[in-house]
Amino acid sequence: MLYMIYSSDVENSLEKRLEARPAHLARLQELDSQGRLYVAGPLPAVDSNDPGDAGFTGSLVIAEFDSLQQAREWAAEDPYIAAGVYDNSVVKPFKKVLGA
């Protein structure tokens, strides 16, 4: 089943994000190589694809897991949590109805 992982950043997280980004992306690439990643990306703090110093306010991941518990465990191990980028993550089941 698909699960949505919405994570919120702490204030002024950009520097921490940049430092932890390679490890964060490696985990997402692993999901992608397994065919389990539906979509993933950051939420810009301003209305721009390149927010510059404004940074990001969080991230969204939609991926396939065997259970809600497995999705929660995966989210809890995100390198952004260990680096202090995220202050909160919400994990919920997701049902795709429309879209490519």
PDB file of N, CA and C in Angstrom:
ATOM      1  N   MET A   1       0.845  -1.181   0.000  1.00  0.00           N
ATOM      2  CA  MET A   1       0.000   0.000   0.000  1.00  0.00           C
ATOM      3  C   MET A   1       0.886   1.238   0.000  1.00  0.00           C
ATOM      4  N   LEU A   2       0.336   2.330  -0.553  1.00  0.00           N
ATOM      5  CA  LEU A   2       1.056   3.600  -0.539  1.00  0.00           C
ATOM      6  C   LEU A   2       0.831   4.318   0.784  1.00  0.00           C
ATOM      7  N   TYR A   3       1.879   5.042   1.218  1.00  0.00           N
ATOM      8  CA  TYR A   3       1.812   5.846   2.436  1.00  0.00           C
ATOM      9  C   TYR A   3       2.409   7.211   2.148  1.00  0.00           C
ATOM     10  N   MET A   4       1.808   8.246   2.748  1.00  0.00           N
ATOM     11  CA  MET A   4       2.267   9.611   2.646  1.00  0.00           C
ATOM     12  C   MET A   4       3.077   9.935   3.899  1.00  0.00           C
ATOM     13  N   ILE A   5       4.264  10.468   3.691  1.00  0.00           N
ATOM     14  CA  ILE A   5       5.101  10.917   4.804  1.00  0.00           C
ATOM     15  C   ILE A   5       5.318  12.414   4.610  1.00  0.00           C
ATOM     16  N   TYR A   6       4.693  13.203   5.481  1.00  0.00           N
ATOM     17  CA  TYR A   6       4.831  14.658   5.434  1.00  0.00           C
ATOM     18  C   TYR A   6       5.664  15.078   6.633  1.00  0.00           C
ATOM     19  N   SER A   7       6.809  15.680   6.362  1.00  0.00           N
ATOM     20  CA  SER A   7       7.717  16.091   7.434  1.00  0.00           C
ATOM     21  C   SER A   7       7.901  17.600   7.412  1.00  0.00           C
ATOM     22  N   SER A   8       7.866  18.211   8.581  1.00  0.00           N
ATOM     23  CA  SER A   8       8.037  19.659   8.735  1.00  0.00           C
ATOM     24  C   SER A   8       9.450  19.974   9.204  1.00  0.00           C
ATOM     25  N   ASP A   9      10.028  21.004   8.626  1.00  0.00           N
ATOM     26  CA  ASP A   9      11.365  21.448   9.014  1.00  0.00           C
ATOM     27  C   ASP A   9      11.325  22.333  10.256  1.00  0.00           C
ATOM     28  N   VAL A  10      12.426  22.335  10.980  1.00  0.00           N
ATOM     29  CA  VAL A  10      12.645  23.328  12.021  1.00  0.00           C
ATOM     30  C   VAL A  10      12.956  24.652  11.318  1.00  0.00           C
ATOM     31  N   GLU A  11      12.918  25.748  12.036  1.00  0.00           N
ATOM     32  CA  GLU A  11      13.273  27.047  11.457  1.00  0.00           C
ATOM     33  C   GLU A  11      14.748  27.043  11.061  1.00  0.00           C
ATOM     34  N   ASN A  12      15.060  27.729   9.990  1.00  0.00           N
ATOM     35  CA  ASN A  12      16.443  27.887   9.532  1.00  0.00           C
ATOM     36  C   ASN A  12      17.154  26.546   9.342  1.00  0.00           C
ATOM     37  N   SER A  13      16.502  25.634   8.633  1.00  0.00           N
ATOM     38  CA  SER A  13      17.026  24.279   8.466  1.00  0.00           C
ATOM     39  C   SER A  13      17.957  24.106   7.272  1.00  0.00           C
ATOM     40  N   LEU A  14      18.103  25.119   6.440  1.00  0.00           N
ATOM     41  CA  LEU A  14      18.791  24.947   5.163  1.00  0.00           C
ATOM     42  C   LEU A  14      20.199  24.377   5.302  1.00  0.00           C
ATOM     43  N   GLU A  15      21.000  24.901   6.196  1.00  0.00           N
ATOM     44  CA  GLU A  15      22.377  24.416   6.351  1.00  0.00           C
ATOM     45  C   GLU A  15      22.390  22.944   6.764  1.00  0.00           C
ATOM     46  N   LYS A  16      21.547  22.583   7.722  1.00  0.00           N
ATOM     47  CA  LYS A  16      21.457  21.188   8.164  1.00  0.00           C
ATOM     48  C   LYS A  16      20.969  20.293   7.027  1.00  0.00           C
ATOM     49  N   ARG A  17      20.002  20.780   6.247  1.00  0.00           N
ATOM     50  CA  ARG A  17      19.482  20.036   5.098  1.00  0.00           C
ATOM     51  C   ARG A  17      20.596  19.714   4.105  1.00  0.00           C
ATOM     52  N   LEU A  18      21.367  20.739   3.775  1.00  0.00           N
ATOM     53  CA  LEU A  18      22.429  20.550   2.785  1.00  0.00           C
ATOM     54  C   LEU A  18      23.465  19.543   3.260  1.00  0.00           C
ATOM     55  N   GLU A  19      23.771  19.545   4.542  1.00  0.00           N
ATOM     56  CA  GLU A  19      24.757  18.607   5.086  1.00  0.00           C
ATOM     57  C   GLU A  19      24.243  17.168   5.049  1.00  0.00           C
ATOM     58  N   ALA A  20      22.980  16.966   5.365  1.00  0.00           N
ATOM     59  CA  ALA A  20      22.417  15.611   5.451  1.00  0.00           C
ATOM     60  C   ALA A  20      21.816  15.128   4.132  1.00  0.00           C
ATOM     61  N   ARG A  21      21.756  15.983   3.130  1.00  0.00           N
ATOM     62  CA  ARG A  21      21.075  15.657   1.874  1.00  0.00           C
ATOM     63  C   ARG A  21      21.600  14.393   1.192  1.00  0.00           C
ATOM     64  N   PRO A  22      22.909  14.173   1.070  1.00  0.00           N
ATOM     65  CA  PRO A  22      23.365  12.952   0.384  1.00  0.00           C
ATOM     66  C   PRO A  22      22.828  11.665   1.023  1.00  0.00           C
ATOM     67  N   ALA A  23      22.815  11.588   2.336  1.00  0.00           N
ATOM     68  CA  ALA A  23      22.304  10.388   3.019  1.00  0.00           C
ATOM     69  C   ALA A  23      20.787  10.282   2.856  1.00  0.00           C
ATOM     70  N   HIS A  24      20.102  11.408   2.913  1.00  0.00           N
ATOM     71  CA  HIS A  24      18.645  11.438   2.725  1.00  0.00           C
ATOM     72  C   HIS A  24      18.292  10.949   1.320  1.00  0.00           C
ATOM     73  N   LEU A  25      18.983  11.464   0.305  1.00  0.00           N
ATOM     74  CA  LEU A  25      18.725  11.061  -1.076  1.00  0.00           C
ATOM     75  C   LEU A  25      19.070   9.598  -1.330  1.00  0.00           C
ATOM     76  N   ALA A  26      20.095   9.097  -0.686  1.00  0.00           N
ATOM     77  CA  ALA A  26      20.481   7.690  -0.865  1.00  0.00           C
ATOM     78  C   ALA A  26      19.349   6.763  -0.430  1.00  0.00           C
ATOM     79  N   ARG A  27      18.685   7.090   0.656  1.00  0.00           N
ATOM     80  CA  ARG A  27      17.555   6.262   1.120  1.00  0.00           C
ATOM     81  C   ARG A  27      16.402   6.318   0.129  1.00  0.00           C
ATOM     82  N   LEU A  28      16.142   7.509  -0.418  1.00  0.00           N
ATOM     83  CA  LEU A  28      15.075   7.647  -1.395  1.00  0.00           C
ATOM     84  C   LEU A  28      15.424   6.908  -2.686  1.00  0.00           C
ATOM     85  N   GLN A  29      16.677   6.970  -3.093  1.00  0.00           N
ATOM     86  CA  GLN A  29      17.107   6.260  -4.297  1.00  0.00           C
ATOM     87  C   GLN A  29      16.988   4.752  -4.119  1.00  0.00           C
ATOM     88  N   GLU A  30      17.212   4.268  -2.903  1.00  0.00           N
ATOM     89  CA  GLU A  30      17.035   2.843  -2.622  1.00  0.00           C
ATOM     90  C   GLU A  30      15.568   2.443  -2.807  1.00  0.00           C
ATOM     91  N   LEU A  31      14.649   3.236  -2.272  1.00  0.00           N
ATOM     92  CA  LEU A  31      13.218   2.970  -2.481  1.00  0.00           C
ATOM     93  C   LEU A  31      12.878   2.994  -3.969  1.00  0.00           C
ATOM     94  N   ASP A  32      13.425   3.962  -4.680  1.00  0.00           N
ATOM     95  CA  ASP A  32      13.158   4.096  -6.107  1.00  0.00           C
ATOM     96  C   ASP A  32      13.669   2.877  -6.879  1.00  0.00           C
ATOM     97  N   SER A  33      14.867   2.418  -6.552  1.00  0.00           N
ATOM     98  CA  SER A  33      15.437   1.257  -7.255  1.00  0.00           C
ATOM     99  C   SER A  33      14.634  -0.012  -6.982  1.00  0.00           C
ATOM    100  N   GLN A  34      13.915  -0.033  -5.864  1.00  0.00           N
ATOM    101  CA  GLN A  34      13.053  -1.175  -5.525  1.00  0.00           C
ATOM    102  C   GLN A  34      11.668  -1.031  -6.152  1.00  0.00           C
ATOM    103  N   GLY A  35      11.428   0.073  -6.852  1.00  0.00           N
ATOM    104  CA  GLY A  35      10.133   0.319  -7.461  1.00  0.00           C
ATOM    105  C   GLY A  35       9.054   0.700  -6.461  1.00  0.00           C
ATOM    106  N   ARG A  36       9.460   1.201  -5.289  1.00  0.00           N
ATOM    107  CA  ARG A  36       8.507   1.514  -4.217  1.00  0.00           C
ATOM    108  C   ARG A  36       8.263   3.008  -4.029  1.00  0.00           C
ATOM    109  N   LEU A  37       9.031   3.857  -4.707  1.00  0.00           N
ATOM    110  CA  LEU A  37       8.888   5.302  -4.543  1.00  0.00           C
ATOM    111  C   LEU A  37       7.931   5.844  -5.589  1.00  0.00           C
ATOM    112  N   TYR A  38       6.884   6.519  -5.141  1.00  0.00           N
ATOM    113  CA  TYR A  38       5.901   7.119  -6.045  1.00  0.00           C
ATOM    114  C   TYR A  38       6.291   8.563  -6.358  1.00  0.00           C
ATOM    115  N   VAL A  39       6.592   9.344  -5.317  1.00  0.00           N
ATOM    116  CA  VAL A  39       7.007  10.734  -5.497  1.00  0.00           C
ATOM    117  C   VAL A  39       7.716  11.193  -4.219  1.00  0.00           C
ATOM    118  N   ALA A  40       8.652  12.122  -4.379  1.00  0.00           N
ATOM    119  CA  ALA A  40       9.346  12.684  -3.214  1.00  0.00           C
ATOM    120  C   ALA A  40       9.888  14.051  -3.580  1.00  0.00           C
ATOM    121  N   GLY A  41       9.857  14.952  -2.614  1.00  0.00           N
ATOM    122  CA  GLY A  41      10.440  16.260  -2.859  1.00  0.00           C
ATOM    123  C   GLY A  41      10.235  17.209  -1.695  1.00  0.00           C
ATOM    124  N   PRO A  42      11.023  18.292  -1.697  1.00  0.00           N
ATOM    125  CA  PRO A  42      10.926  19.291  -0.633  1.00  0.00           C
ATOM    126  C   PRO A  42       9.817  20.295  -0.915  1.00  0.00           C
ATOM    127  N   LEU A  43       9.437  21.032   0.116  1.00  0.00           N
ATOM    128  CA  LEU A  43       8.418  22.072   0.024  1.00  0.00           C
ATOM    129  C   LEU A  43       9.107  23.430   0.163  1.00  0.00           C
ATOM    130  N   PRO A  44       9.303  24.150  -0.941  1.00  0.00           N
ATOM    131  CA  PRO A  44       9.983  25.445  -0.871  1.00  0.00           C
ATOM    132  C   PRO A  44       9.257  26.421   0.054  1.00  0.00           C
ATOM    133  N   ALA A  45      10.052  27.227   0.743  1.00  0.00           N
ATOM    134  CA  ALA A  45       9.496  28.212   1.686  1.00  0.00           C
ATOM    135  C   ALA A  45       8.878  29.401   0.968  1.00  0.00           C
ATOM    136  N   VAL A  46       9.220  29.573  -0.304  1.00  0.00           N
ATOM    137  CA  VAL A  46       8.657  30.656  -1.115  1.00  0.00           C
ATOM    138  C   VAL A  46       8.165  30.062  -2.431  1.00  0.00           C
ATOM    139  N   ASP A  47       7.400  30.828  -3.166  1.00  0.00           N
ATOM    140  CA  ASP A  47       6.796  30.364  -4.415  1.00  0.00           C
ATOM    141  C   ASP A  47       7.831  30.343  -5.537  1.00  0.00           C
ATOM    142  N   SER A  48       8.752  29.363  -5.457  1.00  0.00           N
ATOM    143  CA  SER A  48       9.826  29.254  -6.439  1.00  0.00           C
ATOM    144  C   SER A  48      10.406  27.848  -6.394  1.00  0.00           C
ATOM    145  N   ASN A  49      10.797  27.337  -7.559  1.00  0.00           N
ATOM    146  CA  ASN A  49      11.472  26.039  -7.586  1.00  0.00           C
ATOM    147  C   ASN A  49      12.856  26.111  -6.965  1.00  0.00           C
ATOM    148  N   ASP A  50      13.440  27.301  -6.962  1.00  0.00           N
ATOM    149  CA  ASP A  50      14.752  27.516  -6.349  1.00  0.00           C
ATOM    150  C   ASP A  50      14.605  28.591  -5.282  1.00  0.00           C
ATOM    151  N   PRO A  51      14.283  28.193  -4.040  1.00  0.00           N
ATOM    152  CA  PRO A  51      14.011  29.188  -3.000  1.00  0.00           C
ATOM    153  C   PRO A  51      15.245  29.875  -2.438  1.00  0.00           C
ATOM    154  N   GLY A  52      16.433  29.475  -2.875  1.00  0.00           N
ATOM    155  CA  GLY A  52      17.652  30.109  -2.388  1.00  0.00           C
ATOM    156  C   GLY A  52      17.761  30.046  -0.879  1.00  0.00           C
ATOM    157  N   ASP A  53      18.140  31.160  -0.278  1.00  0.00           N
ATOM    158  CA  ASP A  53      18.341  31.210   1.173  1.00  0.00           C
ATOM    159  C   ASP A  53      17.052  31.043   1.972  1.00  0.00           C
ATOM    160  N   ALA A  54      15.886  31.177   1.323  1.00  0.00           N
ATOM    161  CA  ALA A  54      14.614  30.985   2.030  1.00  0.00           C
ATOM    162  C   ALA A  54      14.461  29.527   2.465  1.00  0.00           C
ATOM    163  N   GLY A  55      15.075  28.625   1.716  1.00  0.00           N
ATOM    164  CA  GLY A  55      15.083  27.208   2.089  1.00  0.00           C
ATOM    165  C   GLY A  55      13.738  26.531   1.899  1.00  0.00           C
ATOM    166  N   PHE A  56      13.476  25.573   2.773  1.00  0.00           N
ATOM    167  CA  PHE A  56      12.313  24.713   2.650  1.00  0.00           C
ATOM    168  C   PHE A  56      11.580  24.613   3.981  1.00  0.00           C
ATOM    169  N   THR A  57      10.300  24.282   3.904  1.00  0.00           N
ATOM    170  CA  THR A  57       9.495  24.149   5.125  1.00  0.00           C
ATOM    171  C   THR A  57       9.210  22.695   5.474  1.00  0.00           C
ATOM    172  N   GLY A  58       9.606  21.779   4.612  1.00  0.00           N
ATOM    173  CA  GLY A  58       9.361  20.366   4.869  1.00  0.00           C
ATOM    174  C   GLY A  58       9.549  19.546   3.618  1.00  0.00           C
ATOM    175  N   SER A  59       9.051  18.310   3.673  1.00  0.00           N
ATOM    176  CA  SER A  59       9.173  17.378   2.554  1.00  0.00           C
ATOM    177  C   SER A  59       7.946  16.488   2.481  1.00  0.00           C
ATOM    178  N   LEU A  60       7.708  15.962   1.283  1.00  0.00           N
ATOM    179  CA  LEU A  60       6.646  14.995   1.071  1.00  0.00           C
ATOM    180  C   LEU A  60       7.214  13.780   0.366  1.00  0.00           C
ATOM    181  N   VAL A  61       6.917  12.604   0.902  1.00  0.00           N
ATOM    182  CA  VAL A  61       7.284  11.342   0.282  1.00  0.00           C
ATOM    183  C   VAL A  61       6.019  10.500   0.197  1.00  0.00           C
ATOM    184  N   ILE A  62       5.773   9.925  -0.962  1.00  0.00           N
ATOM    185  CA  ILE A  62       4.716   8.926  -1.104  1.00  0.00           C
ATOM    186  C   ILE A  62       5.393   7.679  -1.631  1.00  0.00           C
ATOM    187  N   ALA A  63       5.306   6.613  -0.849  1.00  0.00           N
ATOM    188  CA  ALA A  63       6.014   5.380  -1.195  1.00  0.00           C
ATOM    189  C   ALA A  63       5.224   4.162  -0.729  1.00  0.00           C
ATOM    190  N   GLU A  64       5.600   3.026  -1.279  1.00  0.00           N
ATOM    191  CA  GLU A  64       4.934   1.769  -0.938  1.00  0.00           C
ATOM    192  C   GLU A  64       5.663   1.070   0.205  1.00  0.00           C
ATOM    193  N   PHE A  65       4.877   0.656   1.192  1.00  0.00           N
ATOM    194  CA  PHE A  65       5.385  -0.124   2.319  1.00  0.00           C
ATOM    195  C   PHE A  65       4.395  -1.246   2.594  1.00  0.00           C
ATOM    196  N   ASP A  66       4.836  -2.255   3.322  1.00  0.00           N
ATOM    197  CA  ASP A  66       3.966  -3.386   3.649  1.00  0.00           C
ATOM    198  C   ASP A  66       2.913  -3.030   4.689  1.00  0.00           C
ATOM    199  N   SER A  67       3.195  -2.014   5.504  1.00  0.00           N
ATOM    200  CA  SER A  67       2.269  -1.655   6.582  1.00  0.00           C
ATOM    201  C   SER A  67       2.524  -0.220   7.025  1.00  0.00           C
ATOM    202  N   LEU A  68       1.558   0.316   7.745  1.00  0.00           N
ATOM    203  CA  LEU A  68       1.710   1.650   8.334  1.00  0.00           C
ATOM    204  C   LEU A  68       2.884   1.664   9.298  1.00  0.00           C
ATOM    205  N   GLN A  69       3.035   0.615  10.072  1.00  0.00           N
ATOM    206  CA  GLN A  69       4.139   0.531  11.021  1.00  0.00           C
ATOM    207  C   GLN A  69       5.490   0.575  10.304  1.00  0.00           C
ATOM    208  N   GLN A  70       5.600  -0.158   9.188  1.00  0.00           N
ATOM    209  CA  GLN A  70       6.851  -0.157   8.428  1.00  0.00           C
ATOM    210  C   GLN A  70       7.137   1.240   7.870  1.00  0.00           C
ATOM    211  N   ALA A  71       6.107   1.922   7.393  1.00  0.00           N
ATOM    212  CA  ALA A  71       6.285   3.284   6.873  1.00  0.00           C
ATOM    213  C   ALA A  71       6.733   4.228   7.987  1.00  0.00           C
ATOM    214  N   ARG A  72       6.137   4.091   9.161  1.00  0.00           N
ATOM    215  CA  ARG A  72       6.532   4.933  10.300  1.00  0.00           C
ATOM    216  C   ARG A  72       7.972   4.670  10.712  1.00  0.00           C
ATOM    217  N   GLU A  73       8.367   3.408  10.730  1.00  0.00           N
ATOM    218  CA  GLU A  73       9.750   3.066  11.090  1.00  0.00           C
ATOM    219  C   GLU A  73      10.731   3.628  10.066  1.00  0.00           C
ATOM    220  N   TRP A  74      10.385   3.526   8.783  1.00  0.00           N
ATOM    221  CA  TRP A  74      11.256   4.057   7.736  1.00  0.00           C
ATOM    222  C   TRP A  74      11.403   5.564   7.913  1.00  0.00           C
ATOM    223  N   ALA A  75      10.294   6.257   8.147  1.00  0.00           N
ATOM    224  CA  ALA A  75      10.321   7.709   8.318  1.00  0.00           C
ATOM    225  C   ALA A  75      11.150   8.112   9.530  1.00  0.00           C
ATOM    226  N   ALA A  76      11.061   7.358  10.598  1.00  0.00           N
ATOM    227  CA  ALA A  76      11.786   7.679  11.837  1.00  0.00           C
ATOM    228  C   ALA A  76      13.297   7.567  11.675  1.00  0.00           C
ATOM    229  N   GLU A  77      13.743   6.827  10.666  1.00  0.00           N
ATOM    230  CA  GLU A  77      15.178   6.634  10.439  1.00  0.00           C
ATOM    231  C   GLU A  77      15.752   7.589   9.395  1.00  0.00           C
ATOM    232  N   ASP A  78      14.978   8.576   8.974  1.00  0.00           N
ATOM    233  CA  ASP A  78      15.447   9.520   7.964  1.00  0.00           C
ATOM    234  C   ASP A  78      16.647  10.301   8.496  1.00  0.00           C
ATOM    235  N   PRO A  79      17.699  10.419   7.709  1.00  0.00           N
ATOM    236  CA  PRO A  79      18.864  11.204   8.137  1.00  0.00           C
ATOM    237  C   PRO A  79      18.540  12.656   8.494  1.00  0.00           C
ATOM    238  N   TYR A  80      17.477  13.208   7.927  1.00  0.00           N
ATOM    239  CA  TYR A  80      17.092  14.560   8.276  1.00  0.00           C
ATOM    240  C   TYR A  80      16.623  14.656   9.725  1.00  0.00           C
ATOM    241  N   ILE A  81      16.099  13.588  10.271  1.00  0.00           N
ATOM    242  CA  ILE A  81      15.709  13.597  11.685  1.00  0.00           C
ATOM    243  C   ILE A  81      16.955  13.615  12.557  1.00  0.00           C
ATOM    244  N   ALA A  82      17.910  12.737  12.257  1.00  0.00           N
ATOM    245  CA  ALA A  82      19.156  12.681  13.029  1.00  0.00           C
ATOM    246  C   ALA A  82      19.924  14.003  12.949  1.00  0.00           C
ATOM    247  N   ALA A  83      19.819  14.696  11.798  1.00  0.00           N
ATOM    248  CA  ALA A  83      20.538  15.955  11.611  1.00  0.00           C
ATOM    249  C   ALA A  83      19.798  17.153  12.197  1.00  0.00           C
ATOM    250  N   GLY A  84      18.578  16.942  12.692  1.00  0.00           N
ATOM    251  CA  GLY A  84      17.811  18.038  13.269  1.00  0.00           C
ATOM    252  C   GLY A  84      17.103  18.912  12.252  1.00  0.00           C
ATOM    253  N   VAL A  85      16.875  18.393  11.036  1.00  0.00           N
ATOM    254  CA  VAL A  85      16.167  19.151  10.004  1.00  0.00           C
ATOM    255  C   VAL A  85      14.665  19.128  10.259  1.00  0.00           C
ATOM    256  N   TYR A  86      14.136  17.943  10.535  1.00  0.00           N
ATOM    257  CA  TYR A  86      12.694  17.792  10.758  1.00  0.00           C
ATOM    258  C   TYR A  86      12.362  17.916  12.233  1.00  0.00           C
ATOM    259  N   ASP A  87      11.232  18.558  12.503  1.00  0.00           N
ATOM    260  CA  ASP A  87      10.739  18.577  13.878  1.00  0.00           C
ATOM    261  C   ASP A  87       9.519  17.689  14.044  1.00  0.00           C
ATOM    262  N   ASN A  88       8.923  17.257  12.916  1.00  0.00           N
ATOM    263  CA  ASN A  88       7.722  16.429  13.004  1.00  0.00           C
ATOM    264  C   ASN A  88       7.508  15.698  11.685  1.00  0.00           C
ATOM    265  N   SER A  89       7.045  14.455  11.764  1.00  0.00           N
ATOM    266  CA  SER A  89       6.661  13.702  10.577  1.00  0.00           C
ATOM    267  C   SER A  89       5.301  13.065  10.815  1.00  0.00           C
ATOM    268  N   VAL A  90       4.449  13.161   9.808  1.00  0.00           N
ATOM    269  CA  VAL A  90       3.122  12.544   9.848  1.00  0.00           C
ATOM    270  C   VAL A  90       3.103  11.472   8.764  1.00  0.00           C
ATOM    271  N   VAL A  91       2.699  10.262   9.129  1.00  0.00           N
ATOM    272  CA  VAL A  91       2.635   9.153   8.189  1.00  0.00           C
ATOM    273  C   VAL A  91       1.197   8.664   8.135  1.00  0.00           C
ATOM    274  N   LYS A  92       0.637   8.624   6.918  1.00  0.00           N
ATOM    275  CA  LYS A  92      -0.750   8.185   6.744  1.00  0.00           C
ATOM    276  C   LYS A  92      -0.874   7.345   5.487  1.00  0.00           C
ATOM    277  N   PRO A  93      -1.836   6.410   5.469  1.00  0.00           N
ATOM    278  CA  PRO A  93      -2.106   5.672   4.233  1.00  0.00           C
ATOM    279  C   PRO A  93      -2.536   6.645   3.142  1.00  0.00           C
ATOM    280  N   PHE A  94      -2.198   6.322   1.884  1.00  0.00           N
ATOM    281  CA  PHE A  94      -2.526   7.165   0.741  1.00  0.00           C
ATOM    282  C   PHE A  94      -3.147   6.292  -0.335  1.00  0.00           C
ATOM    283  N   LYS A  95      -4.254   6.740  -0.888  1.00  0.00           N
ATOM    284  CA  LYS A  95      -4.922   6.021  -1.970  1.00  0.00           C
ATOM    285  C   LYS A  95      -4.915   6.900  -3.212  1.00  0.00           C
ATOM    286  N   LYS A  96      -4.195   6.475  -4.240  1.00  0.00           N
ATOM    287  CA  LYS A  96      -4.153   7.211  -5.499  1.00  0.00           C
ATOM    288  C   LYS A  96      -5.465   6.966  -6.241  1.00  0.00           C
ATOM    289  N   VAL A  97      -6.101   8.066  -6.672  1.00  0.00           N
ATOM    290  CA  VAL A  97      -7.352   7.965  -7.406  1.00  0.00           C
ATOM    291  C   VAL A  97      -7.183   8.509  -8.825  1.00  0.00           C
ATOM    292  N   LEU A  98      -6.537   9.653  -8.965  1.00  0.00           N
ATOM    293  CA  LEU A  98      -6.345  10.277 -10.271  1.00  0.00           C
ATOM    294  C   LEU A  98      -4.901  10.690 -10.468  1.00  0.00           C
ATOM    295  N   GLY A  99      -4.531  10.903 -11.716  1.00  0.00           N
ATOM    296  CA  GLY A  99      -3.192  11.379 -12.040  1.00  0.00           C
ATOM    297  C   GLY A  99      -2.401  10.355 -12.802  1.00  0.00           C
ATOM    298  N   ALA A 100      -1.293  10.813 -13.328  1.00  0.00           N
ATOM    299  CA  ALA A 100      -0.440   9.946 -14.147  1.00  0.00           C
ATOM    300  C   ALA A 100       0.158   8.803 -13.371  1.00  0.00           C
TER     301      ALA A 100
END
